[in-house]
Amino acid sequence: MEQLLQHLRNLGFTEMEAKIMVELAGRGPSSGYEVAKGLGVSRSNVYAALQRLSQHGFLRRSAGEPVRYSMLKPEELTQMISGQVKESLSFIETRMPRVETEQQPFYSVEGDRNVMETLTRELERAEHEIVVDVWREEASLVRQGLEDAERRGVKLLWSCLGTDAAVSRLLPWPSLGQEPAGIDMGRRFSFVIDRRWCMLGMRGEDCATQGLVTEHPVMVELLLHHFTQEMVLFELEQDIGEELAERYGPRYERIYRKYVGPDPAQAPEDEHMSVQEKDA
């Protein structure tokens, strides 16, 4: 009962209106006096709410004395509300004042729910391409939205740190990134949709979820370049990694760790071993 009342309140009905609608739906046609008695509230408050609801078409009002009120069928009620909401949303979208700026804004989204809702909306709008760079924990959260996009014909490009059997079909490339030293740092994620919208953020068990959102072309380009370079380096490692190690020896390891590993100044003494020696 409380959940039903809450959803009616979410749709803009007052507490009294929601209770009256539920009461009438359960009782059938009733007078204002009967409704007030059933709810145990003041008749004046009930009569005022009944009048508002009937004026907006949510209740049927009989002729004669006493006047009796009855609820629409649930499907009629929801169809009416849906039509009104769509009309209002369309009006707001077309009539809301807009300030056009030369620079695309950056804005932040905080909280797990807000970040995921923002991301989900954009995934549903994707038409051509989605570029994703995430950890396996975040991959599982967006899997459904990305599979839906794939079914619509949207091209998916993935980079994922870690393995997850549940999403392995969608994750052809592991990330070149390294596990952060402490979980407090969180896990970085990024999304670029249709090369126009992007989100760069951080999420973790012991840190607040945050996302930076923008359509600024510079940020979109930076994230795409990062993703491309990461994938190219990965494929080079897969194809000729042993040749690189053999040709450059310890120098190859130093070059590699200089950009993707820990600070060379803090590396252990065996840091200068080749990749082959470490694997052995």
Protein backbone atom coordinates (compact mmCIF):
# COMPACT_ATOMS: atom_id res chain seq x y z
CA MET A 1 0.00 0.00 0.00
CA GLU A 2 2.72 2.48 0.97
CA GLN A 3 4.62 1.80 -2.26
CA LEU A 4 1.47 2.51 -4.30
CA LEU A 5 0.93 5.77 -2.43
CA GLN A 6 4.57 6.74 -2.94
CA HIS A 7 4.37 6.19 -6.70
CA LEU A 8 1.19 8.26 -6.89
CA ARG A 9 2.97 11.03 -4.97
CA ASN A 10 5.88 10.75 -7.41
CA LEU A 11 3.41 11.51 -10.20
CA GLY A 12 2.40 14.77 -8.53
CA PHE A 13 -0.66 13.77 -6.50
CA THR A 14 -0.91 15.06 -2.94
CA GLU A 15 -0.97 12.69 0.03
CA MET A 16 -4.75 13.17 0.39
CA GLU A 17 -5.40 12.68 -3.33
CA ALA A 18 -3.35 9.50 -3.42
CA LYS A 19 -5.21 8.03 -0.44
CA ILE A 20 -8.58 8.92 -1.93
CA MET A 21 -7.69 7.29 -5.26
CA VAL A 22 -6.60 4.07 -3.57
CA GLU A 23 -9.68 4.11 -1.32
CA LEU A 24 -12.06 4.55 -4.25
CA ALA A 25 -10.28 1.91 -6.30
CA GLY A 26 -10.89 -0.57 -3.49
CA ARG A 27 -14.43 0.53 -2.51
CA GLY A 28 -16.04 1.32 -5.84
CA PRO A 29 -18.42 4.26 -6.33
CA SER A 30 -18.72 6.18 -3.05
CA SER A 31 -19.92 9.50 -1.69
CA GLY A 32 -17.58 12.05 -0.17
CA TYR A 33 -18.94 11.18 3.25
CA GLU A 34 -18.18 7.47 2.75
CA VAL A 35 -14.65 8.20 1.55
CA ALA A 36 -13.95 10.50 4.51
CA LYS A 37 -15.33 7.92 6.93
CA GLY A 38 -13.25 5.14 5.36
CA LEU A 39 -10.08 7.21 5.63
CA GLY A 40 -10.93 8.66 9.03
CA VAL A 41 -10.21 12.23 7.93
CA SER A 42 -12.02 15.56 7.69
CA ARG A 43 -14.87 15.68 5.15
CA SER A 44 -13.91 19.21 4.05
CA ASN A 45 -10.42 18.04 3.03
CA VAL A 46 -11.86 15.04 1.21
CA TYR A 47 -14.45 17.11 -0.67
CA ALA A 48 -11.81 19.60 -1.84
CA ALA A 49 -9.53 16.78 -3.09
CA LEU A 50 -12.44 14.97 -4.79
CA GLN A 51 -13.34 18.15 -6.65
CA ARG A 52 -9.74 18.64 -7.88
CA LEU A 53 -9.43 15.03 -9.02
CA SER A 54 -12.75 15.06 -10.86
CA GLN A 55 -11.95 18.39 -12.55
CA HIS A 56 -8.72 16.90 -13.91
CA GLY A 57 -10.54 13.81 -15.14
CA PHE A 58 -9.00 11.28 -12.76
CA LEU A 59 -12.40 10.46 -11.18
CA ARG A 60 -15.87 9.94 -12.58
CA ARG A 61 -18.64 11.93 -10.90
CA SER A 62 -22.25 10.72 -10.95
CA ALA A 63 -25.30 12.91 -11.19
CA GLY A 64 -27.91 13.06 -8.43
CA GLU A 65 -27.76 13.20 -4.67
CA PRO A 66 -25.59 12.21 -3.02
CA VAL A 67 -22.86 12.65 -5.63
CA ARG A 68 -20.83 9.50 -5.96
CA TYR A 69 -17.26 9.26 -7.22
CA SER A 70 -15.48 6.33 -8.87
CA MET A 71 -11.94 5.71 -10.12
CA LEU A 72 -10.92 5.17 -13.71
CA LYS A 73 -9.67 1.72 -14.60
CA PRO A 74 -5.90 1.45 -13.89
CA GLU A 75 -5.04 1.26 -17.59
CA GLU A 76 -7.18 4.34 -18.32
CA LEU A 77 -5.55 6.25 -15.48
CA THR A 78 -1.99 5.39 -16.53
CA GLN A 79 -2.73 6.18 -20.18
CA MET A 80 -4.09 9.59 -19.21
CA ILE A 81 -1.10 10.38 -16.96
CA SER A 82 1.36 9.14 -19.60
CA GLY A 83 -0.16 11.41 -22.21
CA GLN A 84 -0.03 14.42 -19.92
CA VAL A 85 3.59 13.74 -18.93
CA LYS A 86 4.69 13.34 -22.57
CA GLU A 87 2.93 16.55 -23.51
CA SER A 88 4.60 18.45 -20.66
CA LEU A 89 8.03 17.02 -21.44
CA SER A 90 7.68 17.93 -25.11
CA PHE A 91 6.61 21.45 -24.20
CA ILE A 92 9.53 21.91 -21.82
CA GLU A 93 12.02 20.58 -24.36
CA THR A 94 10.87 22.99 -27.07
CA ARG A 95 10.03 26.07 -24.98
CA MET A 96 12.66 26.06 -22.24
CA PRO A 97 15.03 29.04 -22.78
CA ARG A 98 18.47 28.07 -24.04
CA VAL A 99 21.72 29.94 -23.67
CA GLU A 100 24.02 29.02 -26.52
CA THR A 101 27.70 29.16 -25.63
CA GLU A 102 30.77 28.72 -27.76
CA GLN A 103 32.39 26.44 -25.19
CA GLN A 104 30.84 23.10 -24.33
CA PRO A 105 30.33 22.92 -20.55
CA PHE A 106 31.95 20.47 -18.17
CA TYR A 107 29.84 19.29 -15.27
CA SER A 108 30.27 16.71 -12.53
CA VAL A 109 27.91 13.96 -11.43
CA GLU A 110 28.27 12.52 -7.94
CA GLY A 111 26.94 9.35 -6.35
CA ASP A 112 26.70 5.84 -7.75
CA ARG A 113 23.03 6.11 -8.70
CA ASN A 114 23.34 9.50 -10.43
CA VAL A 115 26.42 8.46 -12.39
CA MET A 116 24.82 5.21 -13.59
CA GLU A 117 21.53 6.91 -14.51
CA THR A 118 23.37 9.58 -16.50
CA LEU A 119 25.43 6.95 -18.29
CA THR A 120 22.41 4.73 -18.98
CA ARG A 121 20.53 7.59 -20.64
CA GLU A 122 23.41 8.26 -23.01
CA LEU A 123 23.90 4.58 -23.81
CA GLU A 124 20.23 4.42 -24.84
CA ARG A 125 20.79 7.39 -27.16
CA ALA A 126 23.90 5.94 -28.83
CA GLU A 127 23.55 5.55 -32.59
CA HIS A 128 26.95 4.70 -34.06
CA GLU A 129 29.79 3.87 -31.67
CA ILE A 130 30.59 3.39 -27.98
CA VAL A 131 34.19 3.34 -26.72
CA VAL A 132 34.53 1.89 -23.22
CA ASP A 133 37.53 1.71 -20.88
CA VAL A 134 36.53 0.15 -17.56
CA TRP A 135 37.42 -2.33 -14.85
CA ARG A 136 35.57 -5.63 -14.64
CA GLU A 137 33.48 -4.42 -11.69
CA GLU A 138 32.05 -1.55 -13.74
CA ALA A 139 31.79 -3.70 -16.87
CA SER A 140 29.19 -5.89 -15.18
CA LEU A 141 27.05 -2.83 -14.33
CA VAL A 142 26.81 -1.57 -17.92
CA ARG A 143 26.72 -4.92 -19.68
CA GLN A 144 22.96 -4.87 -20.35
CA GLY A 145 22.97 -1.35 -21.74
CA LEU A 146 25.86 -2.14 -24.05
CA GLU A 147 24.33 -5.38 -25.26
CA ASP A 148 21.12 -3.48 -26.04
CA ALA A 149 23.15 -0.95 -28.01
CA GLU A 150 24.94 -3.73 -29.88
CA ARG A 151 21.59 -5.22 -30.87
CA ARG A 152 20.64 -1.82 -32.32
CA GLY A 153 23.72 -1.99 -34.53
CA VAL A 154 25.97 0.27 -32.46
CA LYS A 155 29.69 -0.54 -32.75
CA LEU A 156 31.34 -1.40 -29.42
CA LEU A 157 35.05 -0.96 -28.65
CA TRP A 158 36.14 -2.31 -25.26
CA SER A 159 39.10 -2.16 -22.97
CA CYS A 160 38.66 -3.90 -19.62
CA LEU A 161 41.07 -4.52 -16.76
CA GLY A 162 40.63 -7.98 -15.30
CA THR A 163 38.62 -10.96 -16.47
CA ASP A 164 34.96 -11.70 -15.99
CA ALA A 165 33.44 -14.78 -17.57
CA ALA A 166 30.01 -13.13 -17.62
CA VAL A 167 31.19 -10.43 -20.03
CA SER A 168 34.11 -12.14 -21.74
CA ARG A 169 32.30 -12.18 -25.09
CA LEU A 170 32.24 -8.39 -25.09
CA LEU A 171 35.74 -7.81 -23.80
CA PRO A 172 38.37 -8.63 -26.43
CA TRP A 173 41.23 -6.59 -24.93
CA PRO A 174 42.67 -6.42 -21.42
CA SER A 175 43.83 -2.98 -20.31
CA LEU A 176 47.50 -2.04 -20.13
CA GLY A 177 46.85 -0.29 -16.80
CA GLN A 178 48.14 -1.55 -13.51
CA GLU A 179 46.25 -2.17 -10.24
CA PRO A 180 46.45 0.94 -8.07
CA ALA A 181 48.49 0.64 -4.92
CA GLY A 182 45.49 1.25 -2.66
CA ILE A 183 41.78 0.72 -3.13
CA ASP A 184 41.17 4.23 -1.77
CA MET A 185 42.21 5.54 -5.19
CA GLY A 186 39.21 3.91 -6.80
CA ARG A 187 38.92 2.54 -10.32
CA ARG A 188 39.05 4.82 -13.33
CA PHE A 189 36.47 4.45 -16.10
CA SER A 190 35.69 6.33 -19.30
CA PHE A 191 33.01 6.26 -21.99
CA VAL A 192 32.91 8.03 -25.36
CA ILE A 193 29.60 7.86 -27.22
CA ASP A 194 29.24 8.71 -30.92
CA ARG A 195 32.45 10.75 -30.65
CA ARG A 196 30.43 13.64 -29.21
CA TRP A 197 29.74 12.85 -25.50
CA CYS A 198 32.09 11.49 -22.88
CA MET A 199 32.30 10.65 -19.20
CA LEU A 200 35.52 10.20 -17.24
CA GLY A 201 35.18 9.08 -13.65
CA MET A 202 36.26 7.12 -10.61
CA ARG A 203 34.46 4.45 -8.64
CA GLY A 204 35.39 2.11 -5.78
CA GLU A 205 34.21 0.47 -2.60
CA ASP A 206 35.93 3.02 -0.37
CA CYS A 207 35.63 6.18 -2.48
CA ALA A 208 32.74 8.30 -3.67
CA THR A 209 31.62 7.65 -7.24
CA GLN A 210 32.19 10.70 -9.42
CA GLY A 211 32.00 11.41 -13.12
CA LEU A 212 33.08 14.34 -15.28
CA VAL A 213 30.70 14.78 -18.23
CA THR A 214 31.17 16.92 -21.31
CA GLU A 215 30.71 17.15 -25.06
CA HIS A 216 33.79 19.32 -25.39
CA PRO A 217 35.68 18.05 -28.48
CA VAL A 218 39.09 18.36 -26.81
CA MET A 219 38.18 15.96 -24.00
CA VAL A 220 36.47 13.58 -26.43
CA GLU A 221 39.61 13.60 -28.59
CA LEU A 222 41.92 13.02 -25.60
CA LEU A 223 39.97 9.98 -24.42
CA LEU A 224 39.83 8.53 -27.93
CA HIS A 225 43.58 9.03 -28.40
CA HIS A 226 44.28 7.39 -25.04
CA PHE A 227 42.12 4.41 -25.95
CA THR A 228 43.70 4.06 -29.40
CA GLN A 229 47.26 4.23 -28.07
CA GLU A 230 46.47 1.69 -25.37
CA MET A 231 45.05 -0.76 -27.90
CA VAL A 232 47.90 -0.28 -30.38
CA LEU A 233 50.51 -0.89 -27.68
CA PHE A 234 48.67 -3.95 -26.49
CA GLU A 235 48.53 -5.48 -29.96
CA LEU A 236 52.20 -4.69 -30.55
CA GLU A 237 53.01 -6.48 -27.29
CA GLN A 238 51.01 -9.47 -28.43
CA ASP A 239 52.58 -9.59 -31.91
CA ILE A 240 56.24 -8.67 -31.40
CA GLY A 241 56.75 -8.36 -27.65
CA GLU A 242 59.45 -11.02 -27.55
CA GLU A 243 61.27 -9.42 -30.50
CA LEU A 244 61.24 -6.04 -28.77
CA ALA A 245 62.67 -7.56 -25.60
CA GLU A 246 65.31 -9.45 -27.57
CA ARG A 247 66.36 -6.43 -29.62
CA TYR A 248 66.39 -3.80 -26.88
CA GLY A 249 67.12 -6.02 -23.90
CA PRO A 250 66.91 -4.28 -20.49
CA ARG A 251 66.35 -0.95 -22.19
CA TYR A 252 62.96 -2.09 -23.47
CA GLU A 253 61.82 -2.87 -19.93
CA ARG A 254 63.01 0.52 -18.72
CA ILE A 255 61.19 2.34 -21.52
CA TYR A 256 58.01 0.40 -20.87
CA ARG A 257 58.04 0.88 -17.08
CA LYS A 258 58.88 4.55 -17.47
CA TYR A 259 55.36 5.19 -18.76
CA VAL A 260 53.14 2.36 -17.48
CA GLY A 261 54.88 1.11 -14.34
CA PRO A 262 56.07 2.51 -11.00
CA ASP A 263 58.55 5.37 -10.69
CA PRO A 264 61.93 3.97 -11.90
CA ALA A 265 63.64 5.79 -9.02
CA GLN A 266 61.66 3.63 -6.59
CA ALA A 267 61.95 0.39 -8.55
CA PRO A 268 63.72 -2.61 -7.00
CA GLU A 269 67.22 -3.56 -8.09
CA ASP A 270 65.97 -6.26 -10.48
CA GLU A 271 63.85 -3.67 -12.34
CA HIS A 272 66.36 -3.70 -15.19
CA MET A 273 65.77 -7.37 -15.99
CA SER A 274 64.21 -8.05 -19.37
CA VAL A 275 60.60 -9.16 -19.74
CA GLN A 276 61.73 -12.66 -20.58
CA GLU A 277 63.91 -12.89 -17.44
CA LYS A 278 61.03 -11.74 -15.22
CA ASP A 279 58.61 -14.21 -16.80
CA ALA A 280 61.11 -16.98 -16.16
